[in-house]
Amino acid sequence: MIEIERKFLVTSTAFIAESFTQHNIAQGYLNSNPERTVRIRIKGNKGFLTIKGIGNESGASRLEWEKEIPLEETKLLLPLCEDGVIEKTRYEVKSGNHIIEVDVFHGVNEGLILAEIELKNENESYTAPNWLGKEVTGDKRYYNSYLSLHSYNKW
């Protein structure tokens, strides 16, 4: 239940040609408190409920609990979320032994492209594609829960 990931800005759209899948995502937060975020997500035709704890000092590790829930229930819960539903398209790209998830944000966060690599431990090595830019792991401005309340276009 511990999620270990590193987060990066993306410097080009070259990842699109390298992706093997993509999904439209809409997600909102029932609670955006960084100590215990509670998220509702529609990813493609599936629904999810996710609870995340506060990150460690580096921001790379934190508790994550996620369960798939019926899509119809997800659609009923999404309107109960705090203002600021996140809209994005997620691309998945294989890179070495890892899958990199690249999120292209829409709406009020248009222009932001972030990549995440999940790791088994914080020191695990990975292959960085040439479109992977500055690391922003631990920078709270790039957390989706923050972006739902502080749109990227108003920074």
N, C-alpha and C. Protein backbone atom coordinates (compact mmCIF):
# COMPACT_ATOMS: atom_id res chain seq x y z
N MET A 1 0.80 -1.21 0.00
CA MET A 1 0.00 0.00 0.00
C MET A 1 0.84 1.27 0.00
N ILE A 2 2.15 1.13 -0.06
CA ILE A 2 3.00 2.31 -0.15
C ILE A 2 3.29 2.58 -1.63
N GLU A 3 2.95 3.78 -2.06
CA GLU A 3 3.23 4.21 -3.43
C GLU A 3 4.56 4.94 -3.42
N ILE A 4 5.46 4.52 -4.32
CA ILE A 4 6.74 5.19 -4.48
C ILE A 4 6.81 5.64 -5.93
N GLU A 5 6.83 6.95 -6.15
CA GLU A 5 6.88 7.45 -7.52
C GLU A 5 7.68 8.73 -7.59
N ARG A 6 8.22 8.94 -8.77
CA ARG A 6 8.90 10.20 -9.06
C ARG A 6 8.14 10.89 -10.16
N LYS A 7 8.10 12.21 -10.09
CA LYS A 7 7.27 13.01 -10.99
C LYS A 7 8.15 14.01 -11.74
N PHE A 8 7.84 14.19 -13.03
CA PHE A 8 8.66 15.03 -13.91
C PHE A 8 7.78 15.88 -14.82
N LEU A 9 8.29 17.05 -15.18
CA LEU A 9 7.70 17.80 -16.27
C LEU A 9 8.08 17.11 -17.57
N VAL A 10 7.32 17.32 -18.61
CA VAL A 10 7.57 16.70 -19.91
C VAL A 10 7.89 17.81 -20.91
N THR A 11 8.96 17.60 -21.69
CA THR A 11 9.47 18.66 -22.56
C THR A 11 8.96 18.63 -24.00
N SER A 12 8.34 17.52 -24.43
CA SER A 12 7.80 17.45 -25.79
C SER A 12 6.68 16.42 -25.83
N THR A 13 5.98 16.36 -26.94
CA THR A 13 4.90 15.39 -27.09
C THR A 13 5.36 14.12 -27.80
N ALA A 14 6.66 13.89 -27.86
CA ALA A 14 7.19 12.68 -28.50
C ALA A 14 6.67 11.40 -27.83
N PHE A 15 6.27 11.49 -26.57
CA PHE A 15 5.77 10.32 -25.84
C PHE A 15 4.50 9.75 -26.48
N ILE A 16 3.73 10.57 -27.17
CA ILE A 16 2.47 10.10 -27.75
C ILE A 16 2.73 8.96 -28.73
N ALA A 17 3.72 9.11 -29.58
CA ALA A 17 4.05 8.06 -30.56
C ALA A 17 4.58 6.81 -29.87
N GLU A 18 5.14 6.95 -28.68
CA GLU A 18 5.71 5.81 -27.94
C GLU A 18 4.68 5.14 -27.03
N SER A 19 3.51 5.74 -26.88
CA SER A 19 2.52 5.21 -25.93
C SER A 19 1.85 3.96 -26.48
N PHE A 20 1.46 3.08 -25.55
CA PHE A 20 0.75 1.87 -25.95
C PHE A 20 -0.72 1.91 -25.54
N THR A 21 -1.10 2.90 -24.74
CA THR A 21 -2.50 3.07 -24.37
C THR A 21 -2.74 4.50 -23.92
N GLN A 22 -4.00 4.91 -23.98
CA GLN A 22 -4.39 6.22 -23.45
C GLN A 22 -5.81 6.13 -22.92
N HIS A 23 -6.08 6.93 -21.86
CA HIS A 23 -7.39 6.96 -21.23
C HIS A 23 -7.73 8.40 -20.87
N ASN A 24 -8.99 8.76 -21.01
CA ASN A 24 -9.47 10.03 -20.50
C ASN A 24 -9.81 9.84 -19.03
N ILE A 25 -9.43 10.83 -18.23
CA ILE A 25 -9.63 10.76 -16.78
C ILE A 25 -10.33 12.02 -16.31
N ALA A 26 -11.31 11.84 -15.44
CA ALA A 26 -11.93 12.94 -14.69
C ALA A 26 -11.83 12.54 -13.23
N GLN A 27 -11.32 13.44 -12.41
CA GLN A 27 -11.20 13.12 -10.99
C GLN A 27 -11.45 14.34 -10.14
N GLY A 28 -12.03 14.07 -8.98
CA GLY A 28 -12.30 15.12 -8.02
C GLY A 28 -11.92 14.65 -6.63
N TYR A 29 -11.92 15.59 -5.70
CA TYR A 29 -11.48 15.31 -4.35
C TYR A 29 -12.61 15.56 -3.35
N LEU A 30 -12.96 14.50 -2.63
CA LEU A 30 -13.89 14.65 -1.51
C LEU A 30 -13.18 15.33 -0.35
N ASN A 31 -11.85 15.16 -0.29
CA ASN A 31 -11.01 15.80 0.71
C ASN A 31 -9.64 16.02 0.08
N SER A 32 -9.21 17.28 -0.01
CA SER A 32 -7.91 17.59 -0.62
C SER A 32 -6.84 17.90 0.43
N ASN A 33 -7.12 17.65 1.70
CA ASN A 33 -6.12 17.84 2.75
C ASN A 33 -4.94 16.92 2.45
N PRO A 34 -3.70 17.46 2.34
CA PRO A 34 -2.54 16.64 1.97
C PRO A 34 -2.27 15.47 2.92
N GLU A 35 -2.76 15.55 4.15
CA GLU A 35 -2.53 14.46 5.10
C GLU A 35 -3.42 13.26 4.83
N ARG A 36 -4.52 13.47 4.06
CA ARG A 36 -5.47 12.38 3.79
C ARG A 36 -6.36 12.74 2.62
N THR A 37 -5.82 12.73 1.42
CA THR A 37 -6.66 13.04 0.26
C THR A 37 -7.57 11.86 -0.05
N VAL A 38 -8.80 12.19 -0.43
CA VAL A 38 -9.78 11.18 -0.82
C VAL A 38 -10.27 11.57 -2.22
N ARG A 39 -9.97 10.71 -3.17
CA ARG A 39 -10.21 11.02 -4.58
C ARG A 39 -11.23 10.08 -5.19
N ILE A 40 -12.05 10.63 -6.08
CA ILE A 40 -12.96 9.87 -6.92
C ILE A 40 -12.45 10.03 -8.35
N ARG A 41 -12.33 8.91 -9.08
CA ARG A 41 -11.78 9.00 -10.44
C ARG A 41 -12.58 8.14 -11.40
N ILE A 42 -12.83 8.71 -12.57
CA ILE A 42 -13.34 7.94 -13.70
C ILE A 42 -12.20 7.86 -14.69
N LYS A 43 -11.78 6.64 -14.98
CA LYS A 43 -10.70 6.39 -15.94
C LYS A 43 -11.26 5.48 -17.02
N GLY A 44 -11.48 6.06 -18.21
CA GLY A 44 -12.13 5.28 -19.26
C GLY A 44 -13.54 4.95 -18.82
N ASN A 45 -13.84 3.65 -18.72
CA ASN A 45 -15.19 3.23 -18.29
C ASN A 45 -15.16 2.54 -16.93
N LYS A 46 -14.17 2.92 -16.09
CA LYS A 46 -14.05 2.36 -14.75
C LYS A 46 -14.04 3.47 -13.71
N GLY A 47 -14.51 3.13 -12.50
CA GLY A 47 -14.52 4.08 -11.40
C GLY A 47 -13.59 3.63 -10.28
N PHE A 48 -13.01 4.60 -9.57
CA PHE A 48 -12.08 4.28 -8.49
C PHE A 48 -12.27 5.25 -7.32
N LEU A 49 -12.05 4.72 -6.13
CA LEU A 49 -11.98 5.50 -4.91
C LEU A 49 -10.57 5.32 -4.38
N THR A 50 -9.87 6.43 -4.12
CA THR A 50 -8.48 6.37 -3.68
C THR A 50 -8.29 7.25 -2.46
N ILE A 51 -7.55 6.73 -1.50
CA ILE A 51 -7.16 7.50 -0.31
C ILE A 51 -5.63 7.51 -0.28
N LYS A 52 -5.07 8.71 -0.12
CA LYS A 52 -3.61 8.85 -0.05
C LYS A 52 -3.24 9.57 1.24
N GLY A 53 -2.15 9.12 1.84
CA GLY A 53 -1.61 9.78 3.03
C GLY A 53 -0.62 10.85 2.64
N ILE A 54 -0.06 11.49 3.65
CA ILE A 54 0.95 12.53 3.41
C ILE A 54 2.25 11.88 2.96
N GLY A 55 2.97 12.57 2.09
CA GLY A 55 4.23 12.04 1.58
C GLY A 55 5.34 12.13 2.60
N ASN A 56 6.39 11.34 2.36
CA ASN A 56 7.57 11.41 3.23
C ASN A 56 8.37 12.67 2.91
N GLU A 57 9.53 12.83 3.50
CA GLU A 57 10.31 14.05 3.35
C GLU A 57 10.66 14.35 1.90
N SER A 58 11.00 13.32 1.10
CA SER A 58 11.36 13.54 -0.30
C SER A 58 10.13 13.75 -1.18
N GLY A 59 8.96 13.35 -0.68
CA GLY A 59 7.74 13.45 -1.47
C GLY A 59 7.53 12.27 -2.40
N ALA A 60 8.43 11.30 -2.40
CA ALA A 60 8.35 10.17 -3.33
C ALA A 60 7.50 9.02 -2.81
N SER A 61 7.36 8.90 -1.50
CA SER A 61 6.63 7.75 -0.92
C SER A 61 5.47 8.21 -0.05
N ARG A 62 4.36 7.50 -0.19
CA ARG A 62 3.22 7.74 0.69
C ARG A 62 2.25 6.58 0.59
N LEU A 63 1.42 6.48 1.61
CA LEU A 63 0.41 5.44 1.63
C LEU A 63 -0.62 5.73 0.54
N GLU A 64 -1.00 4.68 -0.20
CA GLU A 64 -2.06 4.81 -1.19
C GLU A 64 -2.94 3.57 -1.12
N TRP A 65 -4.24 3.79 -0.97
CA TRP A 65 -5.23 2.72 -0.96
C TRP A 65 -6.21 3.04 -2.07
N GLU A 66 -6.40 2.08 -2.99
CA GLU A 66 -7.30 2.33 -4.11
C GLU A 66 -8.16 1.10 -4.37
N LYS A 67 -9.43 1.33 -4.62
CA LYS A 67 -10.37 0.26 -4.94
C LYS A 67 -11.20 0.67 -6.15
N GLU A 68 -11.43 -0.29 -7.04
CA GLU A 68 -12.36 -0.04 -8.13
C GLU A 68 -13.78 -0.09 -7.55
N ILE A 69 -14.59 0.87 -7.98
CA ILE A 69 -15.99 0.91 -7.56
C ILE A 69 -16.84 1.01 -8.83
N PRO A 70 -18.12 0.64 -8.74
CA PRO A 70 -18.96 0.69 -9.93
C PRO A 70 -18.98 2.08 -10.56
N LEU A 71 -18.93 2.12 -11.88
CA LEU A 71 -18.91 3.39 -12.60
C LEU A 71 -20.12 4.26 -12.26
N GLU A 72 -21.29 3.67 -12.15
CA GLU A 72 -22.49 4.45 -11.82
C GLU A 72 -22.37 5.12 -10.46
N GLU A 73 -21.77 4.43 -9.48
CA GLU A 73 -21.57 5.03 -8.16
C GLU A 73 -20.54 6.15 -8.24
N THR A 74 -19.52 5.96 -9.05
CA THR A 74 -18.49 6.99 -9.23
C THR A 74 -19.12 8.26 -9.80
N LYS A 75 -20.00 8.08 -10.78
CA LYS A 75 -20.68 9.23 -11.40
C LYS A 75 -21.57 9.97 -10.39
N LEU A 76 -22.13 9.24 -9.43
CA LEU A 76 -22.94 9.88 -8.39
C LEU A 76 -22.08 10.62 -7.37
N LEU A 77 -20.88 10.11 -7.10
CA LEU A 77 -19.99 10.72 -6.10
C LEU A 77 -19.23 11.93 -6.65
N LEU A 78 -18.90 11.93 -7.92
CA LEU A 78 -18.09 13.01 -8.49
C LEU A 78 -18.69 14.40 -8.25
N PRO A 79 -20.01 14.59 -8.39
CA PRO A 79 -20.57 15.92 -8.12
C PRO A 79 -20.48 16.36 -6.65
N LEU A 80 -20.21 15.42 -5.74
CA LEU A 80 -20.06 15.77 -4.33
C LEU A 80 -18.67 16.31 -4.00
N CYS A 81 -17.76 16.22 -4.96
CA CYS A 81 -16.37 16.62 -4.73
C CYS A 81 -16.23 18.12 -4.59
N GLU A 82 -15.12 18.52 -4.00
CA GLU A 82 -14.76 19.94 -3.91
C GLU A 82 -14.70 20.51 -5.33
N ASP A 83 -14.80 21.84 -5.43
CA ASP A 83 -14.68 22.47 -6.75
C ASP A 83 -13.33 22.12 -7.37
N GLY A 84 -13.28 22.06 -8.68
CA GLY A 84 -12.01 21.85 -9.37
C GLY A 84 -11.78 20.43 -9.83
N VAL A 85 -12.69 19.88 -10.61
CA VAL A 85 -12.48 18.53 -11.15
C VAL A 85 -11.34 18.57 -12.16
N ILE A 86 -10.42 17.64 -12.03
CA ILE A 86 -9.26 17.53 -12.93
C ILE A 86 -9.68 16.74 -14.17
N GLU A 87 -9.32 17.28 -15.34
CA GLU A 87 -9.54 16.58 -16.60
C GLU A 87 -8.19 16.40 -17.27
N LYS A 88 -7.93 15.15 -17.71
CA LYS A 88 -6.64 14.89 -18.34
C LYS A 88 -6.72 13.63 -19.20
N THR A 89 -5.76 13.51 -20.09
CA THR A 89 -5.59 12.28 -20.85
C THR A 89 -4.30 11.64 -20.38
N ARG A 90 -4.38 10.37 -20.02
CA ARG A 90 -3.20 9.64 -19.54
C ARG A 90 -2.70 8.71 -20.64
N TYR A 91 -1.41 8.84 -20.94
CA TYR A 91 -0.72 7.97 -21.87
C TYR A 91 0.22 7.08 -21.08
N GLU A 92 0.32 5.83 -21.47
CA GLU A 92 1.25 4.91 -20.82
C GLU A 92 2.34 4.55 -21.82
N VAL A 93 3.60 4.67 -21.35
CA VAL A 93 4.77 4.44 -22.20
C VAL A 93 5.69 3.46 -21.49
N LYS A 94 6.12 2.43 -22.20
CA LYS A 94 7.10 1.49 -21.63
C LYS A 94 8.49 2.10 -21.78
N SER A 95 9.25 2.06 -20.69
CA SER A 95 10.61 2.58 -20.70
C SER A 95 11.47 1.65 -19.85
N GLY A 96 12.27 0.82 -20.50
CA GLY A 96 13.05 -0.17 -19.77
C GLY A 96 12.10 -1.13 -19.07
N ASN A 97 12.28 -1.31 -17.77
CA ASN A 97 11.43 -2.21 -16.98
C ASN A 97 10.23 -1.51 -16.35
N HIS A 98 10.01 -0.26 -16.71
CA HIS A 98 8.96 0.54 -16.08
C HIS A 98 7.92 1.00 -17.09
N ILE A 99 6.77 1.37 -16.55
CA ILE A 99 5.73 2.05 -17.31
C ILE A 99 5.70 3.48 -16.81
N ILE A 100 5.82 4.42 -17.72
CA ILE A 100 5.71 5.84 -17.37
C ILE A 100 4.31 6.30 -17.74
N GLU A 101 3.64 6.90 -16.77
CA GLU A 101 2.31 7.47 -17.01
C GLU A 101 2.49 8.96 -17.28
N VAL A 102 2.01 9.40 -18.44
CA VAL A 102 2.13 10.80 -18.83
C VAL A 102 0.73 11.40 -18.88
N ASP A 103 0.52 12.45 -18.10
CA ASP A 103 -0.78 13.11 -18.02
C ASP A 103 -0.75 14.44 -18.76
N VAL A 104 -1.61 14.57 -19.76
CA VAL A 104 -1.81 15.82 -20.48
C VAL A 104 -3.08 16.44 -19.93
N PHE A 105 -2.93 17.56 -19.25
CA PHE A 105 -4.05 18.19 -18.57
C PHE A 105 -4.87 19.05 -19.53
N HIS A 106 -6.17 19.13 -19.23
CA HIS A 106 -7.11 19.91 -20.03
C HIS A 106 -7.79 20.95 -19.14
N GLY A 107 -8.65 21.74 -19.74
CA GLY A 107 -9.41 22.73 -18.98
C GLY A 107 -8.51 23.78 -18.36
N VAL A 108 -8.72 24.07 -17.08
CA VAL A 108 -7.98 25.14 -16.41
C VAL A 108 -6.51 24.79 -16.17
N ASN A 109 -6.14 23.53 -16.40
CA ASN A 109 -4.74 23.12 -16.26
C ASN A 109 -4.09 22.84 -17.62
N GLU A 110 -4.75 23.30 -18.69
CA GLU A 110 -4.25 23.12 -20.05
C GLU A 110 -2.81 23.64 -20.15
N GLY A 111 -1.98 22.90 -20.85
CA GLY A 111 -0.58 23.30 -21.02
C GLY A 111 0.37 22.55 -20.12
N LEU A 112 -0.15 21.92 -19.09
CA LEU A 112 0.68 21.16 -18.15
C LEU A 112 0.73 19.71 -18.60
N ILE A 113 1.94 19.17 -18.68
CA ILE A 113 2.15 17.76 -18.99
C ILE A 113 3.12 17.21 -17.94
N LEU A 114 2.67 16.19 -17.20
CA LEU A 114 3.47 15.58 -16.14
C LEU A 114 3.65 14.10 -16.41
N ALA A 115 4.79 13.57 -16.01
CA ALA A 115 5.06 12.14 -16.11
C ALA A 115 5.38 11.60 -14.73
N GLU A 116 4.91 10.36 -14.46
CA GLU A 116 5.18 9.69 -13.19
C GLU A 116 5.73 8.30 -13.45
N ILE A 117 6.74 7.93 -12.67
CA ILE A 117 7.32 6.60 -12.73
C ILE A 117 7.17 5.97 -11.36
N GLU A 118 6.47 4.84 -11.29
CA GLU A 118 6.35 4.12 -10.03
C GLU A 118 7.55 3.19 -9.86
N LEU A 119 8.10 3.19 -8.65
CA LEU A 119 9.31 2.42 -8.36
C LEU A 119 9.06 1.45 -7.21
N LYS A 120 9.96 0.48 -7.08
CA LYS A 120 9.88 -0.48 -5.96
C LYS A 120 10.54 0.09 -4.72
N ASN A 121 11.52 0.98 -4.91
CA ASN A 121 12.14 1.70 -3.80
C ASN A 121 12.64 3.04 -4.32
N GLU A 122 12.92 3.97 -3.44
CA GLU A 122 13.26 5.33 -3.85
C GLU A 122 14.57 5.43 -4.62
N ASN A 123 15.44 4.45 -4.46
CA ASN A 123 16.74 4.49 -5.13
C ASN A 123 16.82 3.61 -6.38
N GLU A 124 15.68 3.02 -6.77
CA GLU A 124 15.67 2.16 -7.96
C GLU A 124 16.02 2.97 -9.20
N SER A 125 16.86 2.41 -10.05
CA SER A 125 17.23 3.10 -11.29
C SER A 125 16.14 2.87 -12.34
N TYR A 126 16.09 3.75 -13.31
CA TYR A 126 15.11 3.69 -14.38
C TYR A 126 15.72 4.33 -15.62
N THR A 127 15.14 4.03 -16.76
CA THR A 127 15.57 4.61 -18.03
C THR A 127 14.75 5.86 -18.28
N ALA A 128 15.41 7.00 -18.41
CA ALA A 128 14.71 8.27 -18.62
C ALA A 128 14.66 8.59 -20.11
N PRO A 129 13.46 8.63 -20.70
CA PRO A 129 13.36 9.03 -22.10
C PRO A 129 13.81 10.48 -22.29
N ASN A 130 14.17 10.84 -23.51
CA ASN A 130 14.71 12.19 -23.74
C ASN A 130 13.65 13.29 -23.56
N TRP A 131 12.37 12.96 -23.51
CA TRP A 131 11.33 13.96 -23.31
C TRP A 131 11.01 14.19 -21.83
N LEU A 132 11.68 13.45 -20.95
CA LEU A 132 11.50 13.64 -19.51
C LEU A 132 12.31 14.84 -19.08
N GLY A 133 11.64 15.84 -18.51
CA GLY A 133 12.30 17.08 -18.13
C GLY A 133 12.62 17.16 -16.65
N LYS A 134 12.48 18.35 -16.10
CA LYS A 134 12.83 18.65 -14.71
C LYS A 134 12.01 17.78 -13.75
N GLU A 135 12.69 17.25 -12.74
CA GLU A 135 11.99 16.48 -11.71
C GLU A 135 11.27 17.43 -10.76
N VAL A 136 10.00 17.11 -10.46
CA VAL A 136 9.19 17.92 -9.56
C VAL A 136 8.62 17.08 -8.42
N THR A 137 9.23 15.92 -8.17
CA THR A 137 8.81 15.07 -7.05
C THR A 137 8.85 15.90 -5.77
N GLY A 138 7.79 15.84 -5.00
CA GLY A 138 7.75 16.56 -3.72
C GLY A 138 7.31 18.01 -3.84
N ASP A 139 7.22 18.55 -5.05
CA ASP A 139 6.74 19.92 -5.24
C ASP A 139 5.21 19.88 -5.22
N LYS A 140 4.62 20.30 -4.15
CA LYS A 140 3.19 20.17 -3.93
C LYS A 140 2.35 20.86 -5.00
N ARG A 141 2.92 21.84 -5.71
CA ARG A 141 2.16 22.52 -6.77
C ARG A 141 1.76 21.55 -7.88
N TYR A 142 2.48 20.46 -8.02
CA TYR A 142 2.20 19.50 -9.09
C TYR A 142 1.37 18.31 -8.62
N TYR A 143 0.90 18.33 -7.38
CA TYR A 143 -0.03 17.30 -6.93
C TYR A 143 -1.39 17.61 -7.55
N ASN A 144 -2.09 16.60 -7.99
CA ASN A 144 -3.40 16.80 -8.58
C ASN A 144 -4.36 17.47 -7.60
N SER A 145 -4.25 17.13 -6.33
CA SER A 145 -5.14 17.74 -5.33
C SER A 145 -4.89 19.25 -5.25
N TYR A 146 -3.65 19.69 -5.41
CA TYR A 146 -3.33 21.12 -5.42
C TYR A 146 -3.85 21.76 -6.70
N LEU A 147 -3.64 21.08 -7.83
CA LEU A 147 -4.08 21.61 -9.12
C LEU A 147 -5.60 21.75 -9.19
N SER A 148 -6.32 20.92 -8.44
CA SER A 148 -7.78 21.02 -8.45
C SER A 148 -8.24 22.32 -7.81
N LEU A 149 -7.44 22.87 -6.92
CA LEU A 149 -7.80 24.12 -6.20
C LEU A 149 -7.07 25.34 -6.73
N HIS A 150 -5.91 25.14 -7.39
CA HIS A 150 -5.08 26.24 -7.88
C HIS A 150 -4.70 25.94 -9.33
N SER A 151 -5.54 26.35 -10.25
CA SER A 151 -5.34 25.98 -11.65
C SER A 151 -4.00 26.46 -12.18
N TYR A 152 -3.39 25.61 -12.96
CA TYR A 152 -2.07 25.85 -13.55
C TYR A 152 -2.06 27.15 -14.36
N ASN A 153 -3.15 27.45 -15.03
CA ASN A 153 -3.21 28.65 -15.87
C ASN A 153 -3.24 29.95 -15.08
N LYS A 154 -3.35 29.86 -13.75
CA LYS A 154 -3.35 31.08 -12.91
C LYS A 154 -2.06 31.22 -12.11
N TRP A 155 -1.10 30.35 -12.34
CA TRP A 155 0.18 30.46 -11.61
C TRP A 155 0.91 31.71 -12.03
